[in-house]
Every structure is written in C-alpha cells, then in structure tokens.
C-alpha cells in the first residue's frame, strides 16, 4: 500500500502510463492554442490585422503597411513567449522544491533581489540599469542569502528555505521602497518598470535573455525526475537514489536564471508562476515529467492572452499585462486555497 502511494505521488504508478495518450493529446491541444494566441498577439492592437494577412506577412513578408505593423509586434510576442515559459516553469520547479503548492517563483527572493539590484544601479546612474546583467547578480545574491540562512548549521529543509526566503524578500522590499521613495528620479524609473509590461521593450532584450532562459529551461526539465522523488520527502528521495541537496541547488539555479531574466526584461509579473502550475496540475497530476512541459506552453499562452486582453478592454489605450495577470491570478489563488482546505 505504501509503495503504491509513493509510486503514484512520484508519477510512476502503472495508471500514469495509461494516461499518456490523453496527456499527449492535451499537450498538442495546448500547443495549438498557444500558436493561435501568438497569431492573435500579432493581429490585435490599435490597428487590427486580419489573421490571413498575419499569416501572409509571416510566410512572405513584403513592404506593405500590414507587414510593417506586424513586424513591430513580433518582439512583443516573442518576449511574451519567453517570459511566460520562464515564469511558469520556474513556478513548477519552486513548488516541487518546497513541496508547497502555493509557492511562487519569487519565494527564494529572486524577484526582489533582481529588483533591488536594478534600483541600486538606477540610483548610482549606471548605464543600462534594467539589463539582465544587472538583475542576475542581484537575484543570485538573494538566493545565496536565502540558502545560507535556510541551511544554518544543519541541512537545508523546505521549511527553513521558505522562512529564509520570506525574511530576505521582506528586507529587500523595504530597501527598494526606501531607495525609490527617497530619490525621485529612481522612483520615476522604477514605478513604470515595477508594474510589468511587454510593451515598449527594446527588441535587443530578446537576445540578451535568451541564453539564460534556454539554460534555465533545460536545467529545470532535466530535474523533473528528481523533483518527483523529492515530493515523497527527503528521506524517501534519498532512499530512491535522488541527490536531495544537489536537486535543491540546481533547482534554485534554474529558478534564478528564469526569474531574473524575465524580471529584467519586462519587470515583475505576478501570479503566472503561481497560477499556471495549479491549472496544469489539475490535468497532469503531480508528475513533473508532464507538469513542466505543460507549463512550458501554458505559461506563454496565459501571458499572451492577458496581454491581448489588456490591449482590447481599454482600447485604444492599454492595460499593462502585470495588472491583468494580477486580476486573473487572484481568483485562481483563492480557488487553490479552498481546494487545499477541502483536501485537508
């Protein structure tokens, strides 16, 4: 009985194999939905371009007005694809590392560390203060602080790491507020960046963040089996041959790369890393070998859908995508808490 429960929790039970065809079909459907949303992202804006013209512009670009409009929207759509995938996969990894279904990618202080570095660079007048090269060191320093505080003199556990993450995030958030409110020039730059938006970003950001997101995604997907074992508890995971400490360190590295790159590119966007794994888990179950690939396509789909909605509901103006995801993520978080209470 115990062995069956363990195998089921790890996604290795015989019933999981029987679900493989359904999961494959669901993955294909989700991928097709992402393709449609990507095309809609290119079509929707102040000037709506019909989908057939979008397809023609992509397959055989010319010098028409529609081709020019679509070309201007391509960087925004690519950023949505990269950032959505990064945040959703980071959320799935973080929830697996902490065994906490309400964990957020910023739980280890990644987002606040990146934001603190950007605020500091802005205050010092550093050129390119919002670049990934500024955000990444701040994110890594925050994660190192969390890991040192969480391990203490003993072994790092999920509870210790979560508590350390809360402490570090709170301290960094207070520092960010103190600096931004004390310096008007920093506040002016920070208040536009902190909401989170795909609009108006430098297309060169895509090439800047692509290597970090690619490495982070590959590392996260490679840890899927170890995350399944970690879900059974540290002792059981070690008995199954998993390297718990190494899994946590590599998972923290993957999360840091993904979140820091996404945050540097578009600012902090809330709830994607929390909501998407919850939505996906209702389809895939707890098996990270399916959960993370689903997050890889469902995350960009949700972010692009939110961005399209932000362009439509107050047209011809726009609502920033960070505002839309907050409105969408709030009810999902409430439903998740209610489900956890019901399960308890």
Protein backbone atom coordinates (compact mmCIF):
# COMPACT_ATOMS: atom_id res chain seq x y z
CA UNK A 1 0.00 0.00 0.00
CA UNK A 2 2.76 2.44 1.00
CA UNK A 3 4.78 1.59 -2.11
CA UNK A 4 1.77 2.20 -4.33
CA UNK A 5 1.14 5.60 -2.76
CA UNK A 6 4.81 6.51 -3.19
CA UNK A 7 4.85 5.48 -6.83
CA UNK A 8 1.64 7.35 -7.51
CA UNK A 9 2.98 10.53 -5.87
CA UNK A 10 6.12 10.28 -7.97
CA UNK A 11 4.12 9.87 -11.14
CA UNK A 12 5.44 6.35 -11.68
CA UNK A 13 2.34 4.29 -10.99
CA UNK A 14 1.03 1.95 -13.72
CA UNK A 15 -2.06 4.14 -14.14
CA UNK A 16 0.18 7.03 -15.16
CA UNK A 17 1.25 5.10 -18.27
CA UNK A 18 -2.34 4.52 -19.26
CA UNK A 19 -2.91 8.29 -19.16
CA UNK A 20 -0.04 9.00 -21.54
CA UNK A 21 -2.18 9.16 -24.75
CA UNK A 22 -4.60 11.63 -23.10
CA UNK A 23 -1.73 13.76 -21.84
CA UNK A 24 -0.13 13.80 -25.29
CA UNK A 25 -3.42 14.91 -26.84
CA UNK A 26 -3.80 17.61 -24.19
CA UNK A 27 -0.25 18.82 -24.82
CA UNK A 28 -0.88 19.08 -28.57
CA UNK A 29 -4.14 20.99 -27.97
CA UNK A 30 -2.39 23.39 -25.58
CA UNK A 31 0.39 23.95 -28.11
CA UNK A 32 -2.14 24.70 -30.85
CA UNK A 33 -3.89 27.16 -28.53
CA UNK A 34 -0.52 28.85 -27.96
CA UNK A 35 0.03 29.16 -31.72
CA UNK A 36 -3.41 30.78 -32.14
CA UNK A 37 -2.74 33.20 -29.29
CA UNK A 38 0.64 34.10 -30.79
CA UNK A 39 -1.05 34.93 -34.10
CA UNK A 40 -3.71 36.96 -32.26
CA UNK A 41 -0.94 38.82 -30.43
CA UNK A 42 0.40 39.87 -33.83
CA UNK A 43 -3.07 40.77 -35.10
CA UNK A 44 -4.54 42.74 -32.19
CA UNK A 45 -3.62 46.35 -31.43
CA UNK A 46 -4.57 49.90 -32.32
CA UNK A 47 -4.78 48.64 -35.90
CA UNK A 48 -6.34 45.18 -36.19
CA UNK A 49 -4.77 42.99 -38.88
CA UNK A 50 -6.88 40.00 -40.07
CA UNK A 51 -5.32 36.63 -39.35
CA UNK A 52 -4.94 35.68 -43.05
CA UNK A 53 -2.87 38.86 -43.58
CA UNK A 54 -0.81 38.00 -40.47
CA UNK A 55 -0.03 34.59 -41.89
CA UNK A 56 0.84 36.09 -45.28
CA UNK A 57 3.14 38.64 -43.66
CA UNK A 58 4.96 35.89 -41.73
CA UNK A 59 5.27 33.48 -44.65
CA UNK A 60 6.06 36.03 -47.38
CA UNK A 61 6.91 39.42 -45.86
CA UNK A 62 6.78 42.47 -48.10
CA UNK A 63 6.72 46.24 -47.77
CA UNK A 64 3.02 46.77 -47.13
CA UNK A 65 1.61 48.67 -44.16
CA UNK A 66 0.30 45.44 -42.58
CA UNK A 67 3.75 43.84 -42.84
CA UNK A 68 5.30 46.83 -41.07
CA UNK A 69 2.74 46.73 -38.26
CA UNK A 70 3.17 43.00 -37.72
CA UNK A 71 6.96 43.31 -37.75
CA UNK A 72 6.70 45.91 -34.96
CA UNK A 73 4.64 43.47 -32.87
CA UNK A 74 6.92 40.45 -33.29
CA UNK A 75 9.38 41.42 -30.48
CA UNK A 76 6.48 41.90 -28.05
CA UNK A 77 5.08 38.47 -28.88
CA UNK A 78 8.48 36.78 -28.62
CA UNK A 79 9.03 38.40 -25.22
CA UNK A 80 5.63 37.07 -24.12
CA UNK A 81 6.59 33.57 -25.22
CA UNK A 82 9.95 33.62 -23.44
CA UNK A 83 8.80 35.31 -20.24
CA UNK A 84 5.63 33.23 -19.91
CA UNK A 85 7.57 29.98 -20.31
CA UNK A 86 10.26 31.12 -17.86
CA UNK A 87 7.85 32.17 -15.11
CA UNK A 88 5.56 29.15 -15.40
CA UNK A 89 8.37 26.57 -15.40
CA UNK A 90 10.08 28.41 -12.53
CA UNK A 91 6.82 28.20 -10.58
CA UNK A 92 6.54 24.47 -11.20
CA UNK A 93 10.13 23.90 -10.06
CA UNK A 94 9.71 26.09 -6.97
CA UNK A 95 6.55 24.27 -5.90
CA UNK A 96 8.33 20.96 -6.37
CA UNK A 97 11.41 22.04 -4.41
CA UNK A 98 9.43 23.34 -1.45
CA UNK A 99 6.60 20.79 -1.66
CA UNK A 100 4.33 23.80 -1.29
CA UNK A 101 1.54 24.12 -3.90
CA UNK A 102 1.22 27.84 -3.08
CA UNK A 103 4.91 28.58 -3.65
CA UNK A 104 5.78 31.41 -6.03
CA UNK A 105 8.96 31.71 -8.14
CA UNK A 106 9.92 34.72 -6.04
CA UNK A 107 9.84 32.70 -2.82
CA UNK A 108 13.64 32.50 -2.69
CA UNK A 109 13.91 36.27 -3.07
CA UNK A 110 14.72 36.06 -6.78
CA UNK A 111 12.39 38.83 -7.93
CA UNK A 112 13.15 41.17 -5.04
CA UNK A 113 16.88 40.51 -5.45
CA UNK A 114 16.70 41.43 -9.13
CA UNK A 115 14.57 44.49 -8.37
CA UNK A 116 16.95 45.61 -5.59
CA UNK A 117 19.91 45.39 -7.97
CA UNK A 118 18.08 47.40 -10.63
CA UNK A 119 17.02 50.07 -8.12
CA UNK A 120 20.60 50.32 -6.82
CA UNK A 121 22.02 50.62 -10.34
CA UNK A 122 19.44 53.27 -11.20
CA UNK A 123 20.29 55.25 -8.07
CA UNK A 124 24.00 55.10 -8.95
CA UNK A 125 23.33 56.23 -12.52
CA UNK A 126 24.61 53.03 -14.10
CA UNK A 127 24.01 52.80 -17.84
CA UNK A 128 21.57 50.01 -18.74
CA UNK A 129 20.31 49.70 -15.16
CA UNK A 130 17.40 47.45 -16.17
CA UNK A 131 19.52 44.97 -18.14
CA UNK A 132 19.76 41.28 -17.30
CA UNK A 133 23.43 41.77 -16.41
CA UNK A 134 22.33 43.97 -13.51
CA UNK A 135 19.35 41.86 -12.42
CA UNK A 136 21.09 38.49 -12.50
CA UNK A 137 23.79 39.18 -9.85
CA UNK A 138 21.16 40.64 -7.52
CA UNK A 139 18.95 37.59 -7.94
CA UNK A 140 21.83 35.19 -7.32
CA UNK A 141 22.95 37.10 -4.22
CA UNK A 142 19.42 36.91 -2.83
CA UNK A 143 19.25 33.15 -3.43
CA UNK A 144 22.65 32.63 -1.79
CA UNK A 145 21.48 34.60 1.26
CA UNK A 146 18.31 32.51 1.44
CA UNK A 147 20.26 29.26 1.17
CA UNK A 148 22.78 30.29 3.83
CA UNK A 149 20.05 31.38 6.23
CA UNK A 150 17.94 28.33 5.46
CA UNK A 151 20.73 25.83 5.99
CA UNK A 152 22.23 27.37 9.11
CA UNK A 153 24.40 24.82 10.85
CA UNK A 154 22.37 21.91 9.64
CA UNK A 155 20.80 20.57 6.49
CA UNK A 156 18.64 22.89 4.40
CA UNK A 157 14.99 21.86 4.56
CA UNK A 158 11.96 23.12 2.66
CA UNK A 159 10.51 24.88 5.72
CA UNK A 160 13.80 26.62 6.56
CA UNK A 161 14.27 27.78 2.98
CA UNK A 162 10.72 29.16 2.79
CA UNK A 163 11.13 31.08 6.05
CA UNK A 164 14.53 32.39 4.97
CA UNK A 165 13.02 33.45 1.63
CA UNK A 166 10.29 35.41 3.39
CA UNK A 167 12.86 37.19 5.58
CA UNK A 168 15.20 38.09 2.72
CA UNK A 169 12.32 39.21 0.47
CA UNK A 170 10.89 41.43 3.22
CA UNK A 171 14.25 43.09 3.90
CA UNK A 172 14.94 43.68 0.21
CA UNK A 173 11.42 45.01 -0.36
CA UNK A 174 11.93 47.52 2.46
CA UNK A 175 15.26 48.55 0.91
CA UNK A 176 13.64 49.03 -2.51
CA UNK A 177 10.91 51.23 -1.05
CA UNK A 178 13.41 53.29 0.96
CA UNK A 179 15.63 53.99 -2.06
CA UNK A 180 12.85 54.60 -4.59
CA UNK A 181 10.90 56.92 -2.28
CA UNK A 182 14.00 58.85 -1.26
CA UNK A 183 15.17 59.57 -4.81
CA UNK A 184 12.52 60.98 -7.19
CA UNK A 185 14.50 60.05 -10.31
CA UNK A 186 14.73 56.42 -9.17
CA UNK A 187 11.05 56.38 -8.30
CA UNK A 188 10.06 57.69 -11.73
CA UNK A 189 12.05 54.96 -13.48
CA UNK A 190 11.06 52.23 -11.04
CA UNK A 191 7.31 52.85 -10.99
CA UNK A 192 6.99 52.17 -14.74
CA UNK A 193 9.21 49.09 -14.58
CA UNK A 194 7.69 47.52 -11.46
CA UNK A 195 4.18 47.01 -12.92
CA UNK A 196 5.35 44.61 -15.61
CA UNK A 197 4.65 45.16 -19.30
CA UNK A 198 5.55 43.65 -22.67
CA UNK A 199 5.04 46.96 -24.47
CA UNK A 200 7.81 49.32 -25.43
CA UNK A 201 10.70 46.98 -24.68
CA UNK A 202 13.94 47.07 -26.63
CA UNK A 203 13.96 44.16 -29.13
CA UNK A 204 17.61 43.53 -28.21
CA UNK A 205 16.37 42.26 -24.85
CA UNK A 206 15.27 39.06 -26.56
CA UNK A 207 18.83 38.13 -27.47
CA UNK A 208 20.06 39.24 -24.04
CA UNK A 209 17.74 36.98 -22.06
CA UNK A 210 17.52 34.05 -24.49
CA UNK A 211 20.69 32.23 -23.31
CA UNK A 212 19.70 32.49 -19.64
CA UNK A 213 16.16 31.28 -20.24
CA UNK A 214 17.34 28.45 -22.50
CA UNK A 215 19.81 27.18 -19.87
CA UNK A 216 17.22 27.57 -17.10
CA UNK A 217 14.55 25.66 -19.02
CA UNK A 218 16.91 22.81 -19.94
CA UNK A 219 18.09 22.52 -16.34
CA UNK A 220 14.53 22.56 -14.99
CA UNK A 221 13.34 19.87 -17.41
CA UNK A 222 16.36 17.72 -16.55
CA UNK A 223 15.36 17.85 -12.86
CA UNK A 224 11.82 16.56 -13.41
CA UNK A 225 12.61 13.03 -12.21
CA UNK A 226 14.44 14.27 -9.12
CA UNK A 227 11.54 16.59 -8.29
CA UNK A 228 9.19 13.60 -8.42
CA UNK A 229 11.36 11.82 -5.86
CA UNK A 230 11.63 14.95 -3.71
CA UNK A 231 7.83 15.08 -3.49
CA UNK A 232 7.96 11.92 -1.36
CA UNK A 233 10.07 13.58 1.32
CA UNK A 234 13.81 13.96 1.78
CA UNK A 235 14.41 10.57 3.40
CA UNK A 236 12.38 8.65 0.82
CA UNK A 237 14.03 10.59 -2.00
CA UNK A 238 17.48 9.62 -0.70
CA UNK A 239 16.35 6.00 -0.40
CA UNK A 240 15.31 6.14 -4.06
CA UNK A 241 18.78 7.39 -5.01
CA UNK A 242 17.99 11.06 -5.51
CA UNK A 243 20.57 13.68 -4.52
CA UNK A 244 18.38 16.00 -2.46
CA UNK A 245 20.94 18.73 -1.83
CA UNK A 246 22.08 18.81 -5.44
CA UNK A 247 18.48 18.89 -6.66
CA UNK A 248 17.70 21.89 -4.45
CA UNK A 249 20.81 23.78 -5.54
CA UNK A 250 20.29 23.10 -9.24
CA UNK A 251 16.58 23.89 -8.91
CA UNK A 252 17.42 27.20 -7.25
CA UNK A 253 19.90 27.96 -10.06
CA UNK A 254 17.28 27.19 -12.72
CA UNK A 255 14.66 29.30 -10.96
CA UNK A 256 17.10 32.18 -10.53
CA UNK A 257 18.11 32.17 -14.20
CA UNK A 258 14.50 32.07 -15.37
CA UNK A 259 13.08 34.66 -12.98
CA UNK A 260 16.00 37.09 -13.17
CA UNK A 261 15.98 37.10 -16.98
CA UNK A 262 12.19 37.52 -17.13
CA UNK A 263 12.16 40.24 -14.47
CA UNK A 264 14.97 42.19 -16.11
CA UNK A 265 13.19 42.07 -19.48
CA UNK A 266 9.64 43.08 -18.59
CA UNK A 267 9.57 43.84 -14.87
CA UNK A 268 7.99 41.66 -12.17
CA UNK A 269 4.81 39.93 -13.38
CA UNK A 270 2.81 38.29 -10.63
CA UNK A 271 0.73 35.13 -10.44
CA UNK A 272 1.92 33.47 -13.68
CA UNK A 273 4.34 31.24 -11.80
CA UNK A 274 1.70 30.51 -9.17
CA UNK A 275 -1.41 30.11 -11.31
CA UNK A 276 -0.10 28.14 -14.29
CA UNK A 277 1.28 25.13 -12.35
CA UNK A 278 -2.05 24.95 -10.47
CA UNK A 279 -4.01 24.93 -13.71
CA UNK A 280 -1.67 22.37 -15.27
CA UNK A 281 -1.60 20.12 -12.20
CA UNK A 282 -5.34 19.57 -12.49
CA UNK A 283 -4.61 17.94 -15.87
CA UNK A 284 -1.25 16.24 -15.41
CA UNK A 285 -1.27 15.42 -11.72
CA UNK A 286 1.93 15.74 -9.68
CA UNK A 287 4.26 14.13 -12.25
CA UNK A 288 6.84 16.79 -13.08
CA UNK A 289 7.80 14.95 -16.27
CA UNK A 290 4.46 16.15 -17.64
CA UNK A 291 3.88 19.17 -15.41
CA UNK A 292 6.94 21.12 -16.56
CA UNK A 293 6.46 20.58 -20.34
CA UNK A 294 2.82 21.63 -19.95
CA UNK A 295 3.94 24.75 -18.05
CA UNK A 296 6.33 25.45 -20.92
CA UNK A 297 3.41 26.02 -23.30
CA UNK A 298 0.61 27.01 -20.89
CA UNK A 299 2.65 29.84 -19.33
CA UNK A 300 3.16 31.77 -22.59
CA UNK A 301 -0.46 31.08 -23.54
CA UNK A 302 -1.72 32.70 -20.33
CA UNK A 303 0.65 35.65 -20.60
CA UNK A 304 -0.19 36.35 -24.25
CA UNK A 305 -3.91 36.02 -23.51
CA UNK A 306 -3.55 38.55 -20.68
CA UNK A 307 -1.56 40.89 -22.92
CA UNK A 308 -4.18 40.67 -25.70
CA UNK A 309 -6.95 41.33 -23.17
CA UNK A 310 -5.08 44.37 -21.88
CA UNK A 311 -4.99 45.82 -25.41
CA UNK A 312 -8.70 45.20 -26.04
CA UNK A 313 -10.63 46.17 -22.89
CA UNK A 314 -9.49 49.83 -22.78
CA UNK A 315 -8.72 50.31 -26.49
CA UNK A 316 -7.18 52.47 -27.91
CA UNK A 317 -5.23 52.68 -24.62
CA UNK A 318 -3.66 49.61 -22.97
CA UNK A 319 -3.59 47.97 -19.57
CA UNK A 320 -0.18 46.59 -18.62
CA UNK A 321 -0.02 42.83 -18.60
CA UNK A 322 1.07 42.79 -14.94
CA UNK A 323 -2.27 44.32 -13.98
CA UNK A 324 -4.24 41.73 -15.97
CA UNK A 325 -2.34 38.75 -14.53
CA UNK A 326 -2.95 40.10 -11.01
CA UNK A 327 -6.70 40.23 -11.66
CA UNK A 328 -6.65 36.73 -13.18
CA UNK A 329 -4.33 35.24 -10.57
CA UNK A 330 -6.26 36.47 -7.54
CA UNK A 331 -9.34 34.26 -8.07
CA UNK A 332 -7.12 31.31 -9.01
CA UNK A 333 -5.20 31.70 -5.76
CA UNK A 334 -8.48 31.82 -3.83
CA UNK A 335 -9.70 28.64 -5.53
CA UNK A 336 -6.37 26.94 -4.83
CA UNK A 337 -6.59 27.75 -1.12
CA UNK A 338 -10.17 26.45 -0.99
CA UNK A 339 -9.10 23.21 -2.70
CA UNK A 340 -6.28 22.77 -0.21
CA UNK A 341 -8.67 23.26 2.69
CA UNK A 342 -11.09 20.76 1.18
CA UNK A 343 -8.30 18.23 0.70
CA UNK A 344 -7.14 18.73 4.29
